[in-house]
Structure formats: C-alpha cells, structure tokens
Amino acid sequence: MPVFYLPANSSIPVLSASDSTCLQFAQFWKPICLLEPSVWKKWLHTHRIGLVLQHDRPLPRHLHVPNSSGRFQVIQCRQAAAALYSLLKDWSTFVLIENHSYVKLIYGDAEKPPTSFYIIRVTSKPPCVVINVAFLSGTPGYLRYKTVQQLKDHIAQLTFPQRPSAKEPSVRKVTCVKFRSTAYKSHQQQRQEQLQQQPKQQPQQLSPTQQPPRKWSDVNCCVLLQKPIEKILIRYERMPSDFGTVVFPDGTTPLAPGSQTKSRTAGGGLLTTLSRYLHHRRWVWAAQSGADVEEEAIARVLATITKMRLQEGFSFAHSTAGIINMVLEVQMKGETDCDAKRFEDGMDECHLEYEKWKNSLRPCVIQYVMFPPHTTSSNSKESGSEGDGTDEVEALEEGDGELQIITECWIEPQHGLVVNCPPERDYMELLPYYKLADVPKGQ
C-alpha cells in the first residue's frame, strides 16, 4: 500500500493510512515527495534513465483521420506503463506514491538495519518517460552505478504479450527434444512404429462458434535512450496555418532580413531556439490534380508510412490532433579519414586522444513528424483537447483547396557517420546527420 496518494487536481500528497502510528513515518518522507528532481542535485547524487514506452497494439483506427465527431485518437501505452510501474513496485522496498515515487533501502548486512536508501521518481508524460534515481550523499560511486545499471537491465528486459490479429493463422508450438544415447534412439524408433500401427485419429472439427488457438508473442515494453528526448522533442499542439513558409512548432516565424522585431508568443522562446538548432526538412505532397482522392486513401498512405517507420525502429513519442511524432536514436562514429598533417612529431598523445574519440559511439536523435491529411484552405480553424484519449479538430471547410500529405524530419546535429544499422534501415549506414533527412524510405 502506498504511503501517500495525490488527490485530484492537487500536487500535495495525502497520507493514505489513518493510523496515528504512521504519522512519524509520514512526516519524514513527505518532504521527499514534495522535493522536485530539478533541485535534487543540491543534496543528492542523481542519475537519469530516459526511455520511450511501447505503444498498445493494435494502433487506433482514427490515428490519422478523425472519426465522425471530428476527433482523433492518440497513442496509448497502458500495457507498457503497467509493466514498468509493476517492476518499480517490486524493485523498491516501499511505495511513497503510486506510479510516482518509490524508495529502496540499502543494506550493508542482511542482519543489520539499512545503512542508506535511494529514491526513484517517475516524471514526464508517456510515451516519453524519465526515471530519476537519487542517492544520499556519501553513497559509493561503484554502488550507485551498479544499481542504476541493474535497474536499466531489468527495464530493458520488460515485455508484455502481444495478441495476434484475427487474420493471423493459428500456429501450434512444437518442442523438439534431441536424444544423445543410442538406447533412447532405439526406444524412440519403437515408439514411432507403435504409433504408425495405430489407426490415425481424425482432426477435431471446430464448430463455427469456436475460435482457433492463436499464438502470442512478447513485445519489449521500453526503448532506452541516452539523449534527453523530453528536452528536444518537437511537439505540435495544432496544425500550422501555413505549410508554405517556415513556422516553428510554437507558432513563431523566422525574422525577415533587416527586421529588428522579435517574434514571440506566450509559450515561445524555447521551441523557437530548439527549432533553429535541429536540422529540419519538410515534405509536402499534393494529391493528383483532378483526381477524386478521399481522406481515407491519404490516411492509408500515412498508415503505411507509419508501419515502415516502426519496422525501422522508430517509436511513438507524442501524438495530438492527429499529428504524430516518432523518434529514433542512432549511433554515430567519427569519420574514418583524418588529416594526418594535424599529428606531427611530439603530438602522439593528442593523436591517441583523437583516435579514442573518433572510435567512440555517440547517439543522435531523429524525429519524424506526420500530419493528418491537410486541405489547403484560408478559412480553416482547429482546436485540440486532450482529455479522453482523443483530440478534437473542427472539420475543414470545403473549398477549392487541394489535399496534401505533410511530413517533417528533425535531426540533432552530431559529428560523424551513422553505424551499426540493422537491415531495416541499412540506407542510413555511413551517412552524416545532414543527409539522413533525404533518404528515409516511404518519403
């Protein structure tokens, strides 16, 4: 049972038990619940674990096109989140707040009282999740890193069963056993001869109401990331009004040459700076002129692109108002050709340091954004809401505009070339970051 719980529309934890004997225990731990991870570094040794949760299967039907009421469905990660919270609950000694804060006691000797403890705090909004781990000052470094690595390993091994679709044929699992002894082999042959002499049984017929057995496969719950994706994630809250010009996700536009006025919005600044830092490409495809193309057909194209990105290793990171953001972290390595003139006599140490840096792997984050089918119209208005797993968007006024497919690619600048690509995305192998946006298949 958690020590505290968070009431609705409140960030102040409330004691779960009414027993007066728990008051002293609660008074000690309540300040820790109120302490924000951003200030933990002043008193604690902090470690960060970033991850993206696996989405629920199957994908929502109205992910790319709104339903009859004009609402989009959003990506849900309930199964992966439940598995993650269950792991943290079993990992910790006790739970401070359900799905929020956990405490693990550290024992130097199993027969003696604990010598220290560490805190686990889950922040951010799924699918992107950040797990902050804080140790008391004085905890040995080897113990801290060992504990965090063990927690990462357990998180990486988390799986949940994936239920197959009705279209998949039923497959019966057969386990083969190999016998090494000749005695066992002869016995097996005798058994096979006996079975062959017996009359064959007819396969059992299933009634129309009976469903054939289906196979289940395990899916990894989480994808661990090295980069703080929550800080560089591109989040569109609504459709941009104009795709013909550069409009940053927060609604601001770049300054015209010679202009001294800064374009700012109420929430602007951070995303504008981020948009100028990341390498950016946008593609706009117009439906064939004169063709009667419906939004359903465009949505099927977007669904196909989504499946291709998933097969390549991308994960859902954000979805709202039909706008999907998928992320992928690739490994980059220093270029193989180096300037030998830089390393003259007496610079062997610098050369070794450079070679060490060149051979090290560095992560690079790729973000792929897909917009819902867009009709060019000057009188379009949109509004988004996130309350019940759907996003509402007012229907576009019908006009003479054309139907468009819009996608974007945002890439973190990183020195080197992409390496260690699986066959699904071998087209990225040995490419620099500024060429990655031009090569994804399905664009």
Foldseek 3Di string as FASTA:
>chain_A
DAQWEADPPGQQTDGPDPDPVCPVVCVVCRVVSVDDPVCLVVFWDKDKWKWFFFFAPDDDPQLQHADPQQKGFWTDQVVLLVLLQVVQCVQAPHHHYRSAKGKHFACPDPVDDGPFIKMWGWDDDHSIIMIMIITGPPDDPVVVVVVVVVSVVVLQPDKDKHFDDLPDDADDDDDDDDDDDVVVVVVVVVVVVVVVPDDDDDDDDDDPVDRDDHDIDIDRGIDIDDDPCVQLPQDAQDDQLDPVADAFSVGFHDDDPPDPDDDDDPPDDSSVVSVVQWQKDKDKDFPDPPDPDDLVVVVVLVVVVVVLVVVQPWHWGDGWSSKTKTKDKFKFAADPDDDPVVQDPPCVVVVVVVVVRRGDIDIKMKMKMWHHWDWNDNPADFDFDDDPSMTHTDDGDDDDTTIMTMMMMIIRADHGATDDGDPSPCVRGRDHRNCPRVDDPSD
